Amino acid sequence: MIIILCCSFLIILGIIILRAKFFEDAIVGGLLIILPGIVLSIALILIPMQRMCIYSEIKQFQIAQETISNARKNGLTVNTLTIENVAILQKIIDANKWLVNAKYWKTTIFSLWIPDEINNLSEIK
């Protein structure tokens, strides 16, 4: 959100500079319109794409959580080191790493790109 606001402010500032004709060649005003305009366009294009990817990863996380709980109900535990248990443990580690990473980015200035549903997920234990 901060990126969008800053770019919008710079575009408005560029328009004011162009209209007031503070500079003879209008390069500064033109650059203040063009460069933030490009950044703003890219940011607005990437928001839905990133949110789509995160929604997909949330579904994958929920499916992994369900699969692991079903496997535990069927008798697979961490106490016995079989290939299946090691694979499940690796899947738990990968899913929890992704969740912690996504929750971290939700607290930064990029929170607009991460949907709020990420806060409803809990780590697999």
N, C-alpha and C. Protein backbone atom coordinates (compact mmCIF):
# COMPACT_ATOMS: atom_id res chain seq x y z
N MET A 1 0.82 -1.18 0.00
CA MET A 1 0.00 0.00 0.00
C MET A 1 0.88 1.26 0.00
N ILE A 2 1.98 1.20 0.74
CA ILE A 2 2.89 2.34 0.80
C ILE A 2 3.49 2.62 -0.58
N ILE A 3 3.80 1.55 -1.31
CA ILE A 3 4.38 1.71 -2.64
C ILE A 3 3.39 2.43 -3.56
N ILE A 4 2.13 2.03 -3.49
CA ILE A 4 1.11 2.63 -4.34
C ILE A 4 0.90 4.10 -3.98
N LEU A 5 0.87 4.39 -2.68
CA LEU A 5 0.70 5.77 -2.25
C LEU A 5 1.88 6.65 -2.64
N CYS A 6 3.10 6.15 -2.47
CA CYS A 6 4.29 6.93 -2.84
C CYS A 6 4.34 7.20 -4.34
N CYS A 7 4.03 6.17 -5.13
CA CYS A 7 4.03 6.37 -6.59
C CYS A 7 2.96 7.37 -7.00
N SER A 8 1.80 7.28 -6.40
CA SER A 8 0.72 8.23 -6.72
C SER A 8 1.14 9.65 -6.35
N PHE A 9 1.77 9.81 -5.19
CA PHE A 9 2.24 11.12 -4.76
C PHE A 9 3.27 11.68 -5.74
N LEU A 10 4.20 10.84 -6.18
CA LEU A 10 5.24 11.31 -7.10
C LEU A 10 4.65 11.68 -8.46
N ILE A 11 3.64 10.94 -8.90
CA ILE A 11 2.99 11.28 -10.17
C ILE A 11 2.30 12.65 -10.05
N ILE A 12 1.59 12.87 -8.94
CA ILE A 12 0.93 14.16 -8.72
C ILE A 12 1.95 15.29 -8.64
N LEU A 13 3.06 15.02 -7.96
CA LEU A 13 4.12 16.02 -7.87
C LEU A 13 4.70 16.33 -9.25
N GLY A 14 4.86 15.32 -10.08
CA GLY A 14 5.34 15.54 -11.44
C GLY A 14 4.39 16.38 -12.26
N ILE A 15 3.10 16.14 -12.10
CA ILE A 15 2.10 16.94 -12.82
C ILE A 15 2.15 18.40 -12.36
N ILE A 16 2.28 18.61 -11.05
CA ILE A 16 2.37 19.97 -10.51
C ILE A 16 3.60 20.69 -11.06
N ILE A 17 4.73 19.98 -11.11
CA ILE A 17 5.95 20.58 -11.62
C ILE A 17 5.81 20.92 -13.10
N LEU A 18 5.19 20.04 -13.87
CA LEU A 18 4.98 20.32 -15.30
C LEU A 18 4.06 21.52 -15.51
N ARG A 19 3.01 21.61 -14.72
CA ARG A 19 2.05 22.71 -14.88
C ARG A 19 2.63 24.04 -14.40
N ALA A 20 3.41 24.01 -13.33
CA ALA A 20 3.95 25.25 -12.79
C ALA A 20 5.16 25.73 -13.58
N LYS A 21 5.74 24.86 -14.37
CA LYS A 21 6.90 25.19 -15.22
C LYS A 21 8.05 25.75 -14.40
N PHE A 22 8.38 25.00 -13.34
CA PHE A 22 9.53 25.40 -12.53
C PHE A 22 10.83 25.21 -13.32
N PHE A 23 10.83 24.24 -14.19
CA PHE A 23 12.02 23.94 -14.96
C PHE A 23 11.73 24.17 -16.44
N GLU A 24 12.71 24.67 -17.15
CA GLU A 24 12.53 25.00 -18.56
C GLU A 24 12.29 23.75 -19.42
N ASP A 25 13.07 22.71 -19.19
CA ASP A 25 13.00 21.56 -20.08
C ASP A 25 12.00 20.49 -19.63
N ALA A 26 11.44 20.62 -18.47
CA ALA A 26 10.40 19.72 -17.94
C ALA A 26 10.85 18.27 -17.81
N ILE A 27 12.15 18.05 -17.72
CA ILE A 27 12.65 16.68 -17.57
C ILE A 27 12.28 16.11 -16.21
N VAL A 28 12.44 16.92 -15.18
CA VAL A 28 12.15 16.44 -13.83
C VAL A 28 10.69 16.07 -13.68
N GLY A 29 9.80 16.92 -14.15
CA GLY A 29 8.37 16.62 -14.07
C GLY A 29 8.01 15.40 -14.88
N GLY A 30 8.59 15.28 -16.06
CA GLY A 30 8.33 14.11 -16.90
C GLY A 30 8.81 12.82 -16.26
N LEU A 31 10.00 12.87 -15.66
CA LEU A 31 10.52 11.68 -14.98
C LEU A 31 9.69 11.32 -13.75
N LEU A 32 9.18 12.36 -13.06
CA LEU A 32 8.34 12.09 -11.89
C LEU A 32 6.97 11.53 -12.27
N ILE A 33 6.63 11.63 -13.51
CA ILE A 33 5.38 11.01 -13.97
C ILE A 33 5.65 9.62 -14.54
N ILE A 34 6.67 9.50 -15.37
CA ILE A 34 6.92 8.26 -16.09
C ILE A 34 7.42 7.14 -15.17
N LEU A 35 8.47 7.39 -14.40
CA LEU A 35 9.06 6.33 -13.58
C LEU A 35 8.11 5.79 -12.51
N PRO A 36 7.49 6.63 -11.70
CA PRO A 36 6.52 6.09 -10.74
C PRO A 36 5.31 5.47 -11.44
N GLY A 37 4.97 5.97 -12.62
CA GLY A 37 3.86 5.38 -13.38
C GLY A 37 4.17 3.94 -13.77
N ILE A 38 5.41 3.71 -14.18
CA ILE A 38 5.83 2.35 -14.53
C ILE A 38 5.80 1.45 -13.30
N VAL A 39 6.37 1.93 -12.19
CA VAL A 39 6.38 1.15 -10.95
C VAL A 39 4.96 0.87 -10.48
N LEU A 40 4.09 1.87 -10.54
CA LEU A 40 2.70 1.70 -10.13
C LEU A 40 1.98 0.68 -11.01
N SER A 41 2.22 0.73 -12.30
CA SER A 41 1.59 -0.23 -13.22
C SER A 41 2.04 -1.65 -12.91
N ILE A 42 3.33 -1.83 -12.70
CA ILE A 42 3.85 -3.16 -12.39
C ILE A 42 3.27 -3.66 -11.06
N ALA A 43 3.21 -2.80 -10.05
CA ALA A 43 2.67 -3.20 -8.75
C ALA A 43 1.21 -3.60 -8.86
N LEU A 44 0.44 -2.85 -9.62
CA LEU A 44 -0.98 -3.17 -9.75
C LEU A 44 -1.22 -4.44 -10.57
N ILE A 45 -0.32 -4.74 -11.48
CA ILE A 45 -0.42 -5.99 -12.24
C ILE A 45 -0.04 -7.18 -11.37
N LEU A 46 0.96 -7.01 -10.52
CA LEU A 46 1.46 -8.13 -9.72
C LEU A 46 0.57 -8.48 -8.53
N ILE A 47 -0.24 -7.54 -8.05
CA ILE A 47 -1.08 -7.83 -6.88
C ILE A 47 -1.99 -9.04 -7.12
N PRO A 48 -2.80 -9.05 -8.18
CA PRO A 48 -3.68 -10.22 -8.35
C PRO A 48 -2.91 -11.50 -8.65
N MET A 49 -1.79 -11.38 -9.37
CA MET A 49 -1.01 -12.58 -9.68
C MET A 49 -0.43 -13.19 -8.41
N GLN A 50 0.12 -12.37 -7.54
CA GLN A 50 0.71 -12.88 -6.30
C GLN A 50 -0.36 -13.46 -5.38
N ARG A 51 -1.50 -12.78 -5.28
CA ARG A 51 -2.58 -13.27 -4.43
C ARG A 51 -3.09 -14.61 -4.95
N MET A 52 -3.13 -14.79 -6.27
CA MET A 52 -3.54 -16.06 -6.84
C MET A 52 -2.58 -17.18 -6.43
N CYS A 53 -1.30 -16.90 -6.51
CA CYS A 53 -0.29 -17.89 -6.11
C CYS A 53 -0.40 -18.23 -4.63
N ILE A 54 -0.62 -17.22 -3.79
CA ILE A 54 -0.72 -17.47 -2.35
C ILE A 54 -1.96 -18.29 -2.04
N TYR A 55 -3.09 -18.01 -2.70
CA TYR A 55 -4.29 -18.81 -2.49
C TYR A 55 -4.03 -20.27 -2.85
N SER A 56 -3.30 -20.50 -3.92
CA SER A 56 -2.95 -21.86 -4.32
C SER A 56 -2.07 -22.53 -3.27
N GLU A 57 -1.11 -21.80 -2.75
CA GLU A 57 -0.22 -22.36 -1.73
C GLU A 57 -0.97 -22.60 -0.41
N ILE A 58 -1.96 -21.77 -0.11
CA ILE A 58 -2.78 -22.00 1.09
C ILE A 58 -3.53 -23.32 0.95
N LYS A 59 -4.09 -23.57 -0.22
CA LYS A 59 -4.80 -24.84 -0.46
C LYS A 59 -3.84 -26.02 -0.34
N GLN A 60 -2.63 -25.88 -0.88
CA GLN A 60 -1.64 -26.95 -0.78
C GLN A 60 -1.27 -27.20 0.68
N PHE A 61 -1.14 -26.14 1.46
CA PHE A 61 -0.83 -26.28 2.88
C PHE A 61 -1.95 -27.01 3.60
N GLN A 62 -3.20 -26.64 3.31
CA GLN A 62 -4.33 -27.28 3.97
C GLN A 62 -4.42 -28.76 3.60
N ILE A 63 -4.15 -29.09 2.35
CA ILE A 63 -4.16 -30.49 1.93
C ILE A 63 -3.03 -31.26 2.60
N ALA A 64 -1.84 -30.66 2.70
CA ALA A 64 -0.73 -31.32 3.39
C ALA A 64 -1.06 -31.54 4.85
N GLN A 65 -1.70 -30.55 5.48
CA GLN A 65 -2.08 -30.68 6.89
C GLN A 65 -3.08 -31.81 7.08
N GLU A 66 -4.04 -31.90 6.18
CA GLU A 66 -5.05 -32.97 6.25
C GLU A 66 -4.43 -34.34 6.00
N THR A 67 -3.53 -34.43 5.03
CA THR A 67 -2.88 -35.70 4.71
C THR A 67 -2.03 -36.18 5.88
N ILE A 68 -1.32 -35.27 6.50
CA ILE A 68 -0.47 -35.64 7.63
C ILE A 68 -1.31 -36.08 8.82
N SER A 69 -2.41 -35.40 9.08
CA SER A 69 -3.27 -35.82 10.20
C SER A 69 -3.91 -37.17 9.92
N ASN A 70 -4.28 -37.45 8.67
CA ASN A 70 -4.82 -38.76 8.32
C ASN A 70 -3.76 -39.85 8.46
N ALA A 71 -2.53 -39.55 8.08
CA ALA A 71 -1.45 -40.52 8.22
C ALA A 71 -1.18 -40.82 9.69
N ARG A 72 -1.27 -39.80 10.53
CA ARG A 72 -1.06 -40.02 11.96
C ARG A 72 -2.18 -40.84 12.56
N LYS A 73 -3.40 -40.64 12.07
CA LYS A 73 -4.53 -41.45 12.56
C LYS A 73 -4.37 -42.91 12.18
N ASN A 74 -3.70 -43.16 11.05
CA ASN A 74 -3.50 -44.52 10.59
C ASN A 74 -2.29 -45.19 11.22
N GLY A 75 -1.67 -44.55 12.19
CA GLY A 75 -0.60 -45.19 12.95
C GLY A 75 0.80 -44.74 12.63
N LEU A 76 0.99 -43.83 11.72
CA LEU A 76 2.34 -43.35 11.44
C LEU A 76 2.71 -42.31 12.50
N THR A 77 3.78 -42.55 13.22
CA THR A 77 4.26 -41.62 14.23
C THR A 77 5.70 -41.25 13.95
N VAL A 78 6.17 -40.25 14.63
CA VAL A 78 7.55 -39.79 14.45
C VAL A 78 8.52 -40.68 15.22
N ASN A 79 8.03 -41.46 16.15
CA ASN A 79 8.90 -42.28 16.99
C ASN A 79 9.60 -43.38 16.19
N THR A 80 8.97 -43.93 15.19
CA THR A 80 9.60 -44.95 14.37
C THR A 80 10.11 -44.32 13.09
N LEU A 81 11.39 -44.50 12.83
CA LEU A 81 12.01 -43.86 11.67
C LEU A 81 11.92 -44.75 10.44
N THR A 82 10.79 -44.71 9.78
CA THR A 82 10.64 -45.40 8.51
C THR A 82 10.72 -44.36 7.40
N ILE A 83 10.76 -44.85 6.19
CA ILE A 83 10.84 -43.93 5.05
C ILE A 83 9.59 -43.06 4.98
N GLU A 84 8.44 -43.65 5.29
CA GLU A 84 7.20 -42.89 5.26
C GLU A 84 7.21 -41.77 6.29
N ASN A 85 7.70 -42.09 7.48
CA ASN A 85 7.74 -41.08 8.54
C ASN A 85 8.72 -39.95 8.22
N VAL A 86 9.83 -40.30 7.65
CA VAL A 86 10.81 -39.28 7.27
C VAL A 86 10.22 -38.38 6.18
N ALA A 87 9.49 -38.96 5.24
CA ALA A 87 8.86 -38.17 4.18
C ALA A 87 7.80 -37.24 4.76
N ILE A 88 7.01 -37.76 5.70
CA ILE A 88 5.99 -36.93 6.35
C ILE A 88 6.66 -35.81 7.15
N LEU A 89 7.72 -36.13 7.86
CA LEU A 89 8.43 -35.11 8.63
C LEU A 89 8.99 -34.02 7.72
N GLN A 90 9.53 -34.42 6.57
CA GLN A 90 10.05 -33.45 5.61
C GLN A 90 8.93 -32.56 5.07
N LYS A 91 7.77 -33.15 4.81
CA LYS A 91 6.62 -32.38 4.33
C LYS A 91 6.16 -31.39 5.39
N ILE A 92 6.17 -31.81 6.66
CA ILE A 92 5.79 -30.91 7.76
C ILE A 92 6.77 -29.73 7.83
N ILE A 93 8.05 -30.03 7.73
CA ILE A 93 9.07 -28.97 7.79
C ILE A 93 8.88 -27.98 6.64
N ASP A 94 8.67 -28.51 5.42
CA ASP A 94 8.49 -27.63 4.26
C ASP A 94 7.25 -26.76 4.39
N ALA A 95 6.15 -27.37 4.84
CA ALA A 95 4.90 -26.62 4.97
C ALA A 95 5.02 -25.54 6.04
N ASN A 96 5.65 -25.87 7.17
CA ASN A 96 5.80 -24.89 8.24
C ASN A 96 6.76 -23.77 7.84
N LYS A 97 7.80 -24.09 7.08
CA LYS A 97 8.71 -23.05 6.61
C LYS A 97 7.98 -22.08 5.69
N TRP A 98 7.15 -22.61 4.78
CA TRP A 98 6.39 -21.74 3.89
C TRP A 98 5.44 -20.86 4.69
N LEU A 99 4.76 -21.44 5.70
CA LEU A 99 3.80 -20.67 6.48
C LEU A 99 4.48 -19.55 7.26
N VAL A 100 5.59 -19.84 7.89
CA VAL A 100 6.31 -18.82 8.65
C VAL A 100 6.79 -17.71 7.71
N ASN A 101 7.27 -18.08 6.54
CA ASN A 101 7.73 -17.10 5.55
C ASN A 101 6.57 -16.21 5.10
N ALA A 102 5.43 -16.81 4.80
CA ALA A 102 4.27 -16.04 4.34
C ALA A 102 3.74 -15.12 5.44
N LYS A 103 3.73 -15.61 6.69
CA LYS A 103 3.27 -14.76 7.79
C LYS A 103 4.23 -13.60 8.04
N TYR A 104 5.51 -13.83 7.82
CA TYR A 104 6.48 -12.73 7.97
C TYR A 104 6.20 -11.65 6.93
N TRP A 105 6.04 -12.04 5.67
CA TRP A 105 5.82 -11.06 4.61
C TRP A 105 4.49 -10.35 4.78
N LYS A 106 3.55 -10.97 5.48
CA LYS A 106 2.26 -10.32 5.75
C LYS A 106 2.44 -9.14 6.69
N THR A 107 3.50 -9.12 7.49
CA THR A 107 3.73 -8.03 8.44
C THR A 107 4.57 -6.90 7.85
N THR A 108 5.03 -7.04 6.62
CA THR A 108 5.86 -6.00 6.01
C THR A 108 5.02 -5.10 5.11
N ILE A 109 5.69 -4.24 4.35
CA ILE A 109 4.95 -3.33 3.46
C ILE A 109 4.33 -4.07 2.29
N PHE A 110 4.66 -5.33 2.12
CA PHE A 110 4.10 -6.13 1.03
C PHE A 110 2.84 -6.87 1.45
N SER A 111 2.23 -6.46 2.55
CA SER A 111 1.06 -7.17 3.07
C SER A 111 -0.13 -7.12 2.12
N LEU A 112 -0.18 -6.14 1.24
CA LEU A 112 -1.27 -6.07 0.27
C LEU A 112 -1.24 -7.26 -0.68
N TRP A 113 -0.05 -7.80 -0.92
CA TRP A 113 0.09 -8.91 -1.85
C TRP A 113 -0.25 -10.25 -1.19
N ILE A 114 -0.32 -10.31 0.13
CA ILE A 114 -0.60 -11.56 0.85
C ILE A 114 -2.03 -11.49 1.39
N PRO A 115 -2.87 -12.47 1.05
CA PRO A 115 -4.26 -12.43 1.53
C PRO A 115 -4.35 -12.65 3.05
N ASP A 116 -5.45 -12.16 3.64
CA ASP A 116 -5.64 -12.26 5.08
C ASP A 116 -5.86 -13.69 5.56
N GLU A 117 -6.23 -14.60 4.66
CA GLU A 117 -6.47 -15.99 5.04
C GLU A 117 -5.23 -16.66 5.61
N ILE A 118 -4.06 -16.08 5.36
CA ILE A 118 -2.82 -16.67 5.85
C ILE A 118 -2.79 -16.65 7.38
N ASN A 119 -3.47 -15.68 8.00
CA ASN A 119 -3.47 -15.59 9.45
C ASN A 119 -4.32 -16.68 10.10
N ASN A 120 -5.22 -17.30 9.34
CA ASN A 120 -6.07 -18.36 9.89
C ASN A 120 -5.38 -19.72 9.94
N LEU A 121 -4.25 -19.85 9.28
CA LEU A 121 -3.53 -21.12 9.26
C LEU A 121 -2.63 -21.25 10.48
N SER A 122 -2.49 -22.46 10.97
CA SER A 122 -1.59 -22.70 12.10
C SER A 122 -0.56 -23.75 11.68
N GLU A 123 0.57 -23.73 12.36
CA GLU A 123 1.65 -24.64 12.03
C GLU A 123 1.23 -26.09 12.28
N ILE A 124 1.77 -27.00 11.47
CA ILE A 124 1.53 -28.43 11.66
C ILE A 124 2.48 -28.90 12.75
N LYS A 125 1.93 -29.60 13.71
CA LYS A 125 2.76 -30.09 14.82
C LYS A 125 2.85 -31.57 14.81
